[in-house]
Amino acid sequence: MRPGSPRGGAGRRCTRSRAAWAEGWQAADFYNTRRRHSAAGGLPPVEFERIISKARAEARQEAKAA
C-alpha cells in the first residue's frame, strides 16, 4: 500500500507510517515463520534455516582447512 492510497477507509488517505505498518504486517502475515513444513522434516522455517546456515558454515570451514 502506498502513502496516499485510498485504503485508509471511509474515504481517508493513508499516512506514510500507516502504509509502512500495513506493508510490514502483510509481509509478516504472508511469510510463515512458525508453521512446520513437511519438506523441512517437520521443522519451522526459522529453525530449518538456522540448521542449514550452520551446516554451510561448517562446510566452508572444512573447505578452507583442506
C-alpha atoms as a PDB file:
ATOM      1  CA  MET A   1       0.000   0.000   0.000  1.00  0.00           C
ATOM      2  CA  ARG A   2       1.417   3.381  -0.981  1.00  0.00           C
ATOM      3  CA  PRO A   3       1.047   6.563   1.042  1.00  0.00           C
ATOM      4  CA  GLY A   4      -1.935   8.473  -0.231  1.00  0.00           C
ATOM      5  CA  SER A   5      -3.681   5.358  -1.494  1.00  0.00           C
ATOM      6  CA  PRO A   6      -7.383   5.160  -0.692  1.00  0.00           C
ATOM      7  CA  ARG A   7      -7.061   2.198   1.644  1.00  0.00           C
ATOM      8  CA  GLY A   8      -7.330   4.364   4.734  1.00  0.00           C
ATOM      9  CA  GLY A   9     -11.045   3.587   4.903  1.00  0.00           C
ATOM     10  CA  ALA A  10     -14.039   5.917   4.803  1.00  0.00           C
ATOM     11  CA  GLY A  11     -12.505   7.994   2.023  1.00  0.00           C
ATOM     12  CA  ARG A  12      -9.367   8.805   4.041  1.00  0.00           C
ATOM     13  CA  ARG A  13      -5.877   8.552   2.637  1.00  0.00           C
ATOM     14  CA  CYS A  14      -3.155   6.501   4.330  1.00  0.00           C
ATOM     15  CA  THR A  15      -0.233   8.212   6.002  1.00  0.00           C
ATOM     16  CA  ARG A  16       3.310   7.052   5.369  1.00  0.00           C
ATOM     17  CA  SER A  17       3.530   5.431   8.792  1.00  0.00           C
ATOM     18  CA  ARG A  18       0.224   3.610   8.271  1.00  0.00           C
ATOM     19  CA  ALA A  19       1.351   2.396   4.842  1.00  0.00           C
ATOM     20  CA  ALA A  20       4.694   1.200   6.245  1.00  0.00           C
ATOM     21  CA  TRP A  21       2.929  -0.595   9.085  1.00  0.00           C
ATOM     22  CA  ALA A  22       0.493  -2.257   6.657  1.00  0.00           C
ATOM     23  CA  GLU A  23       3.307  -3.467   4.396  1.00  0.00           C
ATOM     24  CA  GLY A  24       5.200  -4.899   7.361  1.00  0.00           C
ATOM     25  CA  TRP A  25       2.064  -6.585   8.646  1.00  0.00           C
ATOM     26  CA  GLN A  26       1.340  -8.103   5.224  1.00  0.00           C
ATOM     27  CA  ALA A  27       4.897  -9.464   4.989  1.00  0.00           C
ATOM     28  CA  ALA A  28       4.707 -10.936   8.494  1.00  0.00           C
ATOM     29  CA  ASP A  29       1.343 -12.451   7.687  1.00  0.00           C
ATOM     30  CA  PHE A  30       2.455 -13.807   4.296  1.00  0.00           C
ATOM     31  CA  TYR A  31       5.781 -15.362   5.273  1.00  0.00           C
ATOM     32  CA  ASN A  32       5.326 -18.326   7.540  1.00  0.00           C
ATOM     33  CA  THR A  33       7.937 -18.363  10.312  1.00  0.00           C
ATOM     34  CA  ARG A  34       6.294 -20.779  12.769  1.00  0.00           C
ATOM     35  CA  ARG A  35       4.179 -23.394  10.996  1.00  0.00           C
ATOM     36  CA  ARG A  36       6.026 -26.631  10.380  1.00  0.00           C
ATOM     37  CA  HIS A  37       6.776 -27.842   6.868  1.00  0.00           C
ATOM     38  CA  SER A  38       6.873 -31.459   5.775  1.00  0.00           C
ATOM     39  CA  ALA A  39       9.568 -30.662   3.172  1.00  0.00           C
ATOM     40  CA  ALA A  40      11.827 -29.443   6.012  1.00  0.00           C
ATOM     41  CA  GLY A  41      11.410 -32.579   8.085  1.00  0.00           C
ATOM     42  CA  GLY A  42       8.668 -31.052  10.216  1.00  0.00           C
ATOM     43  CA  LEU A  43      10.808 -28.086  11.326  1.00  0.00           C
ATOM     44  CA  PRO A  44       9.648 -24.481  11.423  1.00  0.00           C
ATOM     45  CA  PRO A  45      11.316 -22.401   8.677  1.00  0.00           C
ATOM     46  CA  VAL A  46      13.413 -20.351  11.111  1.00  0.00           C
ATOM     47  CA  GLU A  47      14.830 -23.474  12.760  1.00  0.00           C
ATOM     48  CA  PHE A  48      15.469 -25.149   9.400  1.00  0.00           C
ATOM     49  CA  GLU A  49      17.324 -22.068   8.141  1.00  0.00           C
ATOM     50  CA  ARG A  50      19.450 -21.988  11.307  1.00  0.00           C
ATOM     51  CA  ILE A  51      20.468 -25.618  10.830  1.00  0.00           C
ATOM     52  CA  ILE A  52      21.249 -25.124   7.135  1.00  0.00           C
ATOM     53  CA  SER A  53      23.294 -21.980   7.836  1.00  0.00           C
ATOM     54  CA  LYS A  54      25.315 -23.826  10.478  1.00  0.00           C
ATOM     55  CA  ALA A  55      25.968 -26.756   8.113  1.00  0.00           C
ATOM     56  CA  ARG A  56      27.069 -24.385   5.339  1.00  0.00           C
ATOM     57  CA  ALA A  57      29.444 -22.552   7.686  1.00  0.00           C
ATOM     58  CA  GLU A  58      30.967 -25.853   8.803  1.00  0.00           C
ATOM     59  CA  ALA A  59      31.391 -26.955   5.174  1.00  0.00           C
ATOM     60  CA  ARG A  60      33.158 -23.664   4.355  1.00  0.00           C
ATOM     61  CA  GLN A  61      35.495 -24.163   7.320  1.00  0.00           C
ATOM     62  CA  GLU A  62      36.350 -27.694   6.166  1.00  0.00           C
ATOM     63  CA  ALA A  63      36.960 -26.467   2.612  1.00  0.00           C
ATOM     64  CA  LYS A  64      39.353 -23.781   3.900  1.00  0.00           C
ATOM     65  CA  ALA A  65      41.229 -26.332   6.012  1.00  0.00           C
ATOM     66  CA  ALA A  66      41.725 -28.694   3.072  1.00  0.00           C
END
